[in-house]
């Protein structure tokens, strides 16, 4: 289960990070969040975190820092979504990724 969750989270963050860099519909989301100026650094952090999670499947010491970084990013994302008035339904993906990465942090500590 840990490997499947790591794979899912890693691929998701790679996909969204690359999308936030290059795909116009996702790029526009940063305007809605009020974060246009920091879109590129945040997207790069998502790509790095996703890659770190995938690499942790073969090099486990990367599991903790990757999950910590992505979990922190999702905690902040929830705060941003509350700030801009998103509905609970709009926040659910960020909440789900926060919980997934919290579990991966716990699993890395338990190893």
N, C-alpha and C. Protein backbone atom coordinates (compact mmCIF):
# COMPACT_ATOMS: atom_id res chain seq x y z
N UNK A 1 0.82 -1.19 0.00
CA UNK A 1 0.00 0.00 0.00
C UNK A 1 0.87 1.26 0.00
N UNK A 2 1.95 1.25 0.76
CA UNK A 2 2.83 2.42 0.82
C UNK A 2 3.42 2.71 -0.56
N UNK A 3 3.86 1.66 -1.25
CA UNK A 3 4.42 1.87 -2.59
C UNK A 3 3.39 2.42 -3.56
N UNK A 4 2.17 1.91 -3.49
CA UNK A 4 1.11 2.38 -4.38
C UNK A 4 0.78 3.85 -4.10
N UNK A 5 0.70 4.21 -2.83
CA UNK A 5 0.41 5.59 -2.46
C UNK A 5 1.56 6.52 -2.85
N UNK A 6 2.78 6.04 -2.68
CA UNK A 6 3.95 6.82 -3.08
C UNK A 6 3.94 7.03 -4.59
N UNK A 7 3.66 5.99 -5.33
CA UNK A 7 3.61 6.08 -6.79
C UNK A 7 2.51 7.05 -7.24
N UNK A 8 1.33 6.92 -6.65
CA UNK A 8 0.21 7.80 -7.01
C UNK A 8 0.54 9.26 -6.71
N UNK A 9 1.03 9.52 -5.51
CA UNK A 9 1.35 10.90 -5.13
C UNK A 9 2.49 11.45 -5.99
N UNK A 10 3.53 10.67 -6.19
CA UNK A 10 4.67 11.12 -6.99
C UNK A 10 4.28 11.45 -8.42
N UNK A 11 3.53 10.57 -9.05
CA UNK A 11 3.10 10.81 -10.43
C UNK A 11 2.16 12.02 -10.49
N UNK A 12 1.26 12.13 -9.52
CA UNK A 12 0.33 13.26 -9.50
C UNK A 12 1.06 14.58 -9.41
N UNK A 13 2.02 14.67 -8.48
CA UNK A 13 2.73 15.93 -8.32
C UNK A 13 3.62 16.24 -9.52
N UNK A 14 4.19 15.23 -10.14
CA UNK A 14 4.93 15.47 -11.38
C UNK A 14 4.00 16.02 -12.45
N UNK A 15 2.85 15.39 -12.62
CA UNK A 15 1.88 15.81 -13.63
C UNK A 15 1.43 17.26 -13.38
N UNK A 16 1.01 17.56 -12.14
CA UNK A 16 0.52 18.89 -11.86
C UNK A 16 1.63 19.94 -11.90
N UNK A 17 2.81 19.59 -11.42
CA UNK A 17 3.92 20.53 -11.48
C UNK A 17 4.27 20.91 -12.91
N UNK A 18 4.34 19.91 -13.78
CA UNK A 18 4.63 20.17 -15.20
C UNK A 18 3.46 20.94 -15.82
N UNK A 19 2.24 20.57 -15.45
CA UNK A 19 1.07 21.28 -15.96
C UNK A 19 1.07 22.74 -15.55
N UNK A 20 1.43 23.02 -14.30
CA UNK A 20 1.47 24.41 -13.83
C UNK A 20 2.55 25.21 -14.56
N UNK A 21 3.55 24.53 -15.08
CA UNK A 21 4.59 25.21 -15.85
C UNK A 21 4.15 25.49 -17.29
N UNK A 22 3.44 24.54 -17.91
CA UNK A 22 3.23 24.61 -19.35
C UNK A 22 1.79 24.64 -19.85
N UNK A 23 0.82 24.17 -19.08
CA UNK A 23 -0.54 24.03 -19.58
C UNK A 23 -1.38 25.24 -19.16
N UNK A 24 -1.85 26.04 -20.12
CA UNK A 24 -2.55 27.29 -19.79
C UNK A 24 -3.70 27.17 -18.78
N UNK A 25 -4.59 26.16 -18.86
CA UNK A 25 -5.66 26.11 -17.86
C UNK A 25 -5.13 26.00 -16.42
N UNK A 26 -4.08 25.21 -16.22
CA UNK A 26 -3.52 25.10 -14.88
C UNK A 26 -2.74 26.36 -14.51
N UNK A 27 -2.08 26.96 -15.46
CA UNK A 27 -1.34 28.20 -15.20
C UNK A 27 -2.29 29.28 -14.71
N UNK A 28 -3.50 29.34 -15.28
CA UNK A 28 -4.49 30.35 -14.88
C UNK A 28 -4.95 30.16 -13.44
N UNK A 29 -4.92 28.93 -12.94
CA UNK A 29 -5.34 28.68 -11.56
C UNK A 29 -4.53 29.52 -10.57
N UNK A 30 -3.27 29.74 -10.86
CA UNK A 30 -2.46 30.53 -9.93
C UNK A 30 -2.95 31.96 -9.83
N UNK A 31 -3.55 32.48 -10.90
CA UNK A 31 -4.16 33.80 -10.84
C UNK A 31 -5.35 33.80 -9.90
N UNK A 32 -6.15 32.75 -9.97
CA UNK A 32 -7.31 32.62 -9.08
C UNK A 32 -6.87 32.53 -7.62
N UNK A 33 -5.73 31.88 -7.39
CA UNK A 33 -5.21 31.75 -6.03
C UNK A 33 -4.52 33.03 -5.56
N UNK A 34 -4.24 33.96 -6.49
CA UNK A 34 -3.50 35.16 -6.14
C UNK A 34 -2.00 34.90 -6.02
N UNK A 35 -1.52 33.86 -6.70
CA UNK A 35 -0.12 33.44 -6.57
C UNK A 35 0.63 33.43 -7.90
N UNK A 36 0.21 34.27 -8.85
CA UNK A 36 0.84 34.27 -10.18
C UNK A 36 2.35 34.44 -10.11
N UNK A 37 2.80 35.31 -9.25
CA UNK A 37 4.24 35.64 -9.21
C UNK A 37 5.10 34.48 -8.74
N UNK A 38 4.52 33.54 -8.01
CA UNK A 38 5.34 32.42 -7.51
C UNK A 38 4.96 31.08 -8.14
N UNK A 39 4.24 31.15 -9.26
CA UNK A 39 3.81 29.93 -9.95
C UNK A 39 4.98 29.04 -10.32
N UNK A 40 6.01 29.58 -10.93
CA UNK A 40 7.13 28.77 -11.40
C UNK A 40 7.87 28.09 -10.24
N UNK A 41 8.25 28.83 -9.19
CA UNK A 41 8.93 28.13 -8.08
C UNK A 41 8.06 27.04 -7.43
N UNK A 42 6.77 27.31 -7.28
CA UNK A 42 5.89 26.29 -6.68
C UNK A 42 5.76 25.08 -7.59
N UNK A 43 5.65 25.31 -8.89
CA UNK A 43 5.56 24.20 -9.84
C UNK A 43 6.84 23.37 -9.81
N UNK A 44 7.98 24.03 -9.76
CA UNK A 44 9.25 23.31 -9.69
C UNK A 44 9.34 22.50 -8.40
N UNK A 45 8.88 23.07 -7.29
CA UNK A 45 8.88 22.31 -6.03
C UNK A 45 7.97 21.08 -6.12
N UNK A 46 6.86 21.20 -6.82
CA UNK A 46 5.99 20.04 -7.01
C UNK A 46 6.69 18.97 -7.84
N UNK A 47 7.37 19.38 -8.89
CA UNK A 47 8.10 18.42 -9.73
C UNK A 47 9.20 17.75 -8.91
N UNK A 48 9.95 18.53 -8.15
CA UNK A 48 11.03 17.97 -7.33
C UNK A 48 10.47 17.02 -6.27
N UNK A 49 9.38 17.42 -5.62
CA UNK A 49 8.76 16.55 -4.61
C UNK A 49 8.22 15.26 -5.21
N UNK A 50 7.56 15.38 -6.35
CA UNK A 50 7.04 14.18 -7.02
C UNK A 50 8.16 13.26 -7.45
N UNK A 51 9.22 13.84 -8.01
CA UNK A 51 10.38 13.02 -8.41
C UNK A 51 11.02 12.38 -7.19
N UNK A 52 11.10 13.13 -6.10
CA UNK A 52 11.66 12.58 -4.86
C UNK A 52 10.85 11.39 -4.36
N UNK A 53 9.54 11.51 -4.44
CA UNK A 53 8.71 10.38 -4.01
C UNK A 53 8.94 9.16 -4.91
N UNK A 54 9.00 9.37 -6.19
CA UNK A 54 9.23 8.23 -7.09
C UNK A 54 10.61 7.62 -6.86
N UNK A 55 11.61 8.47 -6.68
CA UNK A 55 12.95 7.95 -6.42
C UNK A 55 13.05 7.25 -5.07
N UNK A 56 12.17 7.62 -4.13
CA UNK A 56 12.19 6.97 -2.81
C UNK A 56 11.80 5.50 -2.90
N UNK A 57 11.18 5.11 -4.00
CA UNK A 57 10.84 3.69 -4.18
C UNK A 57 12.10 2.84 -4.34
N UNK A 58 13.18 3.46 -4.84
CA UNK A 58 14.45 2.75 -4.97
C UNK A 58 15.50 3.24 -3.98
N UNK A 59 15.30 4.44 -3.42
CA UNK A 59 16.22 5.00 -2.43
C UNK A 59 15.39 5.57 -1.28
N UNK A 60 15.01 4.70 -0.32
CA UNK A 60 14.07 5.07 0.74
C UNK A 60 14.41 6.31 1.57
N UNK A 61 15.67 6.72 1.73
CA UNK A 61 15.91 7.94 2.51
C UNK A 61 15.25 9.20 1.93
N UNK A 62 14.83 9.17 0.69
CA UNK A 62 14.14 10.32 0.10
C UNK A 62 12.67 10.39 0.50
N UNK A 63 12.13 9.32 1.06
CA UNK A 63 10.70 9.27 1.37
C UNK A 63 10.26 10.37 2.32
N UNK A 64 10.99 10.53 3.42
CA UNK A 64 10.59 11.52 4.43
C UNK A 64 10.65 12.96 3.90
N UNK A 65 11.78 13.40 3.34
CA UNK A 65 11.79 14.80 2.89
C UNK A 65 10.80 15.09 1.77
N UNK A 66 10.60 14.15 0.87
CA UNK A 66 9.64 14.37 -0.22
C UNK A 66 8.22 14.49 0.34
N UNK A 67 7.83 13.58 1.20
CA UNK A 67 6.48 13.62 1.78
C UNK A 67 6.30 14.84 2.68
N UNK A 68 7.32 15.21 3.42
CA UNK A 68 7.24 16.41 4.27
C UNK A 68 7.03 17.66 3.42
N UNK A 69 7.81 17.80 2.37
CA UNK A 69 7.68 18.97 1.51
C UNK A 69 6.32 19.05 0.85
N UNK A 70 5.87 17.94 0.29
CA UNK A 70 4.58 17.94 -0.39
C UNK A 70 3.42 18.08 0.60
N UNK A 71 3.56 17.47 1.77
CA UNK A 71 2.53 17.63 2.80
C UNK A 71 2.42 19.08 3.25
N UNK A 72 3.57 19.73 3.47
CA UNK A 72 3.56 21.14 3.86
C UNK A 72 2.93 22.00 2.77
N UNK A 73 3.26 21.68 1.52
CA UNK A 73 2.69 22.43 0.41
C UNK A 73 1.16 22.29 0.40
N UNK A 74 0.66 21.10 0.67
CA UNK A 74 -0.79 20.89 0.67
C UNK A 74 -1.45 21.56 1.87
N UNK A 75 -0.78 21.61 3.01
CA UNK A 75 -1.33 22.32 4.17
C UNK A 75 -1.47 23.80 3.84
N UNK A 76 -0.46 24.36 3.19
CA UNK A 76 -0.53 25.77 2.79
C UNK A 76 -1.60 25.96 1.72
N UNK A 77 -1.72 25.00 0.80
CA UNK A 77 -2.74 25.08 -0.26
C UNK A 77 -4.14 25.12 0.35
N UNK A 78 -4.36 24.36 1.39
CA UNK A 78 -5.67 24.38 2.06
C UNK A 78 -5.91 25.76 2.65
N UNK A 79 -4.89 26.32 3.28
CA UNK A 79 -5.02 27.67 3.83
C UNK A 79 -5.35 28.70 2.75
N UNK A 80 -4.69 28.59 1.60
CA UNK A 80 -4.96 29.51 0.49
C UNK A 80 -6.40 29.34 0.02
N UNK A 81 -6.84 28.11 -0.09
CA UNK A 81 -8.20 27.87 -0.57
C UNK A 81 -9.25 28.39 0.42
N UNK A 82 -8.96 28.27 1.71
CA UNK A 82 -9.86 28.86 2.71
C UNK A 82 -9.86 30.39 2.55
N UNK A 83 -8.68 30.96 2.38
CA UNK A 83 -8.52 32.41 2.24
C UNK A 83 -9.31 32.96 1.05
N UNK A 84 -9.29 32.24 -0.09
CA UNK A 84 -9.99 32.76 -1.27
C UNK A 84 -11.46 32.34 -1.32
N UNK A 85 -11.90 31.57 -0.33
CA UNK A 85 -13.31 31.23 -0.23
C UNK A 85 -13.76 30.03 -1.02
N UNK A 86 -12.84 29.12 -1.34
CA UNK A 86 -13.24 27.89 -2.04
C UNK A 86 -14.16 27.05 -1.16
N UNK A 87 -14.98 26.26 -1.82
CA UNK A 87 -15.86 25.35 -1.09
C UNK A 87 -15.08 24.14 -0.59
N UNK A 88 -15.69 23.39 0.30
CA UNK A 88 -15.06 22.17 0.81
C UNK A 88 -14.78 21.19 -0.32
N UNK A 89 -15.68 21.11 -1.26
CA UNK A 89 -15.50 20.20 -2.41
C UNK A 89 -14.25 20.61 -3.20
N UNK A 90 -14.04 21.90 -3.38
CA UNK A 90 -12.85 22.37 -4.10
C UNK A 90 -11.57 22.09 -3.32
N UNK A 91 -11.68 21.99 -2.00
CA UNK A 91 -10.51 21.74 -1.16
C UNK A 91 -10.19 20.26 -1.01
N UNK A 92 -11.12 19.39 -1.35
CA UNK A 92 -10.93 17.95 -1.10
C UNK A 92 -9.66 17.36 -1.70
N UNK A 93 -9.28 17.70 -2.93
CA UNK A 93 -8.03 17.13 -3.44
C UNK A 93 -6.82 17.50 -2.57
N UNK A 94 -6.73 18.76 -2.16
CA UNK A 94 -5.60 19.17 -1.31
C UNK A 94 -5.64 18.44 0.04
N UNK A 95 -6.83 18.28 0.59
CA UNK A 95 -6.97 17.56 1.85
C UNK A 95 -6.54 16.10 1.68
N UNK A 96 -6.97 15.48 0.59
CA UNK A 96 -6.61 14.08 0.33
C UNK A 96 -5.10 13.93 0.17
N UNK A 97 -4.46 14.83 -0.57
CA UNK A 97 -3.01 14.74 -0.73
C UNK A 97 -2.28 15.04 0.57
N UNK A 98 -2.82 15.94 1.39
CA UNK A 98 -2.22 16.19 2.71
C UNK A 98 -2.28 14.93 3.56
N UNK A 99 -3.43 14.28 3.59
CA UNK A 99 -3.58 13.06 4.38
C UNK A 99 -2.69 11.93 3.84
N UNK A 100 -2.62 11.81 2.53
CA UNK A 100 -1.77 10.77 1.93
C UNK A 100 -0.31 11.00 2.31
N UNK A 101 0.15 12.23 2.22
CA UNK A 101 1.54 12.50 2.54
C UNK A 101 1.81 12.43 4.04
N UNK A 102 0.81 12.75 4.86
CA UNK A 102 0.96 12.56 6.31
C UNK A 102 1.15 11.07 6.61
N UNK A 103 0.40 10.22 5.93
CA UNK A 103 0.56 8.79 6.12
C UNK A 103 1.94 8.33 5.66
N UNK A 104 2.41 8.87 4.53
CA UNK A 104 3.73 8.50 4.04
C UNK A 104 4.84 8.98 4.99
N UNK A 105 4.63 10.13 5.62
CA UNK A 105 5.59 10.59 6.64
C UNK A 105 5.60 9.60 7.80
N UNK A 106 4.42 9.24 8.27
CA UNK A 106 4.32 8.29 9.37
C UNK A 106 5.00 6.96 9.00
N UNK A 107 4.76 6.50 7.79
CA UNK A 107 5.36 5.23 7.33
C UNK A 107 6.87 5.34 7.27
N UNK A 108 7.39 6.48 6.86
CA UNK A 108 8.86 6.66 6.80
C UNK A 108 9.45 6.66 8.21
N UNK A 109 8.75 7.26 9.15
CA UNK A 109 9.23 7.28 10.54
C UNK A 109 9.20 5.87 11.12
N UNK A 110 8.17 5.11 10.77
CA UNK A 110 8.00 3.76 11.33
C UNK A 110 9.00 2.75 10.78
N UNK A 111 9.69 3.08 9.70
CA UNK A 111 10.63 2.13 9.09
C UNK A 111 11.80 1.88 9.98
